[in-house]
């Protein structure tokens, strides 16, 4: 609980601080959802289990990512969720670079192309 409170405090000032938090905080769905709502870029530092969580991936890929360099939140989603058509469509609407990270399964989907 102490780590979570500290993590929440740090994230309230800078959501990208998620990268410096311990694994317990990076696996905390509530903290990661809050960070990703403010800046989808925070998703890249989420625990792998959350990168396979549909709700977290949808929130991260549909939230704005504030950064200077090219970045695509969708690339950090689990392979199984990068094969999900609805997630790809949401991610691609936010960032057209998502197409670079789509699964091979979707590359042959007539509805996508």
Protein backbone atom coordinates (compact mmCIF):
# COMPACT_ATOMS: atom_id res chain seq x y z
CA UNK A 1 0.00 0.00 0.00
CA UNK A 2 2.86 2.39 0.80
CA UNK A 3 4.38 1.86 -2.66
CA UNK A 4 1.00 2.38 -4.29
CA UNK A 5 0.42 5.67 -2.44
CA UNK A 6 3.91 6.87 -3.34
CA UNK A 7 3.40 5.81 -6.95
CA UNK A 8 0.07 7.58 -7.13
CA UNK A 9 1.65 10.74 -5.74
CA UNK A 10 4.50 10.63 -8.27
CA UNK A 11 2.15 9.89 -11.17
CA UNK A 12 -0.02 12.88 -10.27
CA UNK A 13 2.95 15.09 -11.15
CA UNK A 14 4.24 13.16 -14.17
CA UNK A 15 2.55 10.06 -15.60
CA UNK A 16 5.77 9.02 -17.31
CA UNK A 17 7.21 8.42 -13.85
CA UNK A 18 5.60 4.97 -14.20
CA UNK A 19 8.88 3.79 -15.75
CA UNK A 20 10.68 4.36 -12.43
CA UNK A 21 8.14 2.69 -10.16
CA UNK A 22 8.61 -0.82 -8.85
CA UNK A 23 7.00 -3.83 -10.53
CA UNK A 24 4.14 -3.89 -8.03
CA UNK A 25 3.06 -0.40 -9.06
CA UNK A 26 3.57 -1.12 -12.77
CA UNK A 27 1.27 -4.13 -12.32
CA UNK A 28 -1.40 -2.09 -10.52
CA UNK A 29 -4.25 -1.80 -13.00
CA UNK A 30 -5.77 1.27 -11.37
CA UNK A 31 -2.47 3.19 -11.46
CA UNK A 32 -1.69 2.17 -15.02
CA UNK A 33 -5.19 3.08 -16.23
CA UNK A 34 -4.90 6.50 -14.59
CA UNK A 35 -1.48 7.10 -16.16
CA UNK A 36 -2.60 5.92 -19.60
CA UNK A 37 -5.68 8.13 -19.50
CA UNK A 38 -3.44 11.17 -19.18
CA UNK A 39 -0.79 10.01 -21.61
CA UNK A 40 -0.94 6.77 -23.59
CA UNK A 41 2.84 6.72 -23.73
CA UNK A 42 2.94 5.54 -20.09
CA UNK A 43 1.63 2.17 -21.32
CA UNK A 44 5.05 1.04 -22.50
CA UNK A 45 6.16 0.71 -18.84
CA UNK A 46 3.11 -1.27 -17.71
CA UNK A 47 3.56 -4.83 -16.50
CA UNK A 48 3.32 -7.46 -19.26
CA UNK A 49 0.11 -8.83 -17.76
CA UNK A 50 -1.52 -5.43 -18.26
CA UNK A 51 -0.24 -5.28 -21.81
CA UNK A 52 -2.50 -8.28 -22.37
CA UNK A 53 -5.49 -6.69 -20.57
CA UNK A 54 -8.11 -5.55 -23.07
CA UNK A 55 -9.36 -2.61 -20.96
CA UNK A 56 -5.85 -1.25 -20.37
CA UNK A 57 -4.84 -1.62 -24.03
CA UNK A 58 -8.01 0.09 -25.25
CA UNK A 59 -7.47 2.99 -22.84
CA UNK A 60 -3.80 3.38 -23.71
CA UNK A 61 -4.22 3.17 -27.48
CA UNK A 62 -7.16 5.58 -27.55
CA UNK A 63 -5.56 8.18 -25.25
CA UNK A 64 -3.33 10.96 -26.55
CA UNK A 65 0.41 10.41 -26.35
CA UNK A 66 2.32 13.59 -25.63
CA UNK A 67 5.86 13.38 -26.94
CA UNK A 68 8.18 14.85 -29.53
CA UNK A 69 9.57 11.71 -31.17
CA UNK A 70 7.45 9.27 -33.18
CA UNK A 71 5.85 6.75 -30.89
CA UNK A 72 3.11 4.17 -31.17
CA UNK A 73 1.45 2.88 -28.01
CA UNK A 74 -0.09 -0.04 -29.94
CA UNK A 75 3.33 -1.62 -30.46
CA UNK A 76 3.52 -2.45 -26.73
CA UNK A 77 0.25 -4.40 -26.63
CA UNK A 78 0.50 -8.16 -26.36
CA UNK A 79 0.60 -10.10 -29.61
CA UNK A 80 -2.84 -11.57 -28.93
CA UNK A 81 -4.39 -8.10 -28.53
CA UNK A 82 -2.58 -6.80 -31.60
CA UNK A 83 -4.59 -9.48 -33.42
CA UNK A 84 -7.87 -7.98 -32.16
CA UNK A 85 -9.58 -6.03 -34.94
CA UNK A 86 -11.43 -3.61 -32.63
CA UNK A 87 -8.25 -2.70 -30.79
CA UNK A 88 -6.39 -2.16 -34.05
CA UNK A 89 -9.13 0.11 -35.40
CA UNK A 90 -9.14 2.20 -32.20
CA UNK A 91 -5.34 2.41 -32.15
CA UNK A 92 -5.10 3.28 -35.83
CA UNK A 93 -7.66 6.07 -35.42
CA UNK A 94 -5.39 7.63 -32.77
CA UNK A 95 -2.10 6.92 -34.56
CA UNK A 96 -1.84 5.71 -38.18
CA UNK A 97 1.62 4.27 -37.38
CA UNK A 98 -0.27 1.43 -35.68
CA UNK A 99 -0.39 -0.32 -39.03
CA UNK A 100 3.35 -0.96 -38.69
CA UNK A 101 2.68 -3.15 -35.64
CA UNK A 102 -0.49 -4.98 -36.66
CA UNK A 103 -0.45 -8.74 -36.43
CA UNK A 104 0.04 -10.86 -39.53
CA UNK A 105 -3.48 -12.17 -38.95
CA UNK A 106 -4.95 -8.70 -39.55
CA UNK A 107 -2.75 -7.96 -42.55
CA UNK A 108 -4.95 -10.25 -44.63
CA UNK A 109 -8.28 -8.98 -43.30
CA UNK A 110 -10.30 -7.41 -46.14
CA UNK A 111 -12.17 -5.12 -43.69
CA UNK A 112 -8.90 -3.59 -42.50
CA UNK A 113 -7.28 -3.11 -45.88
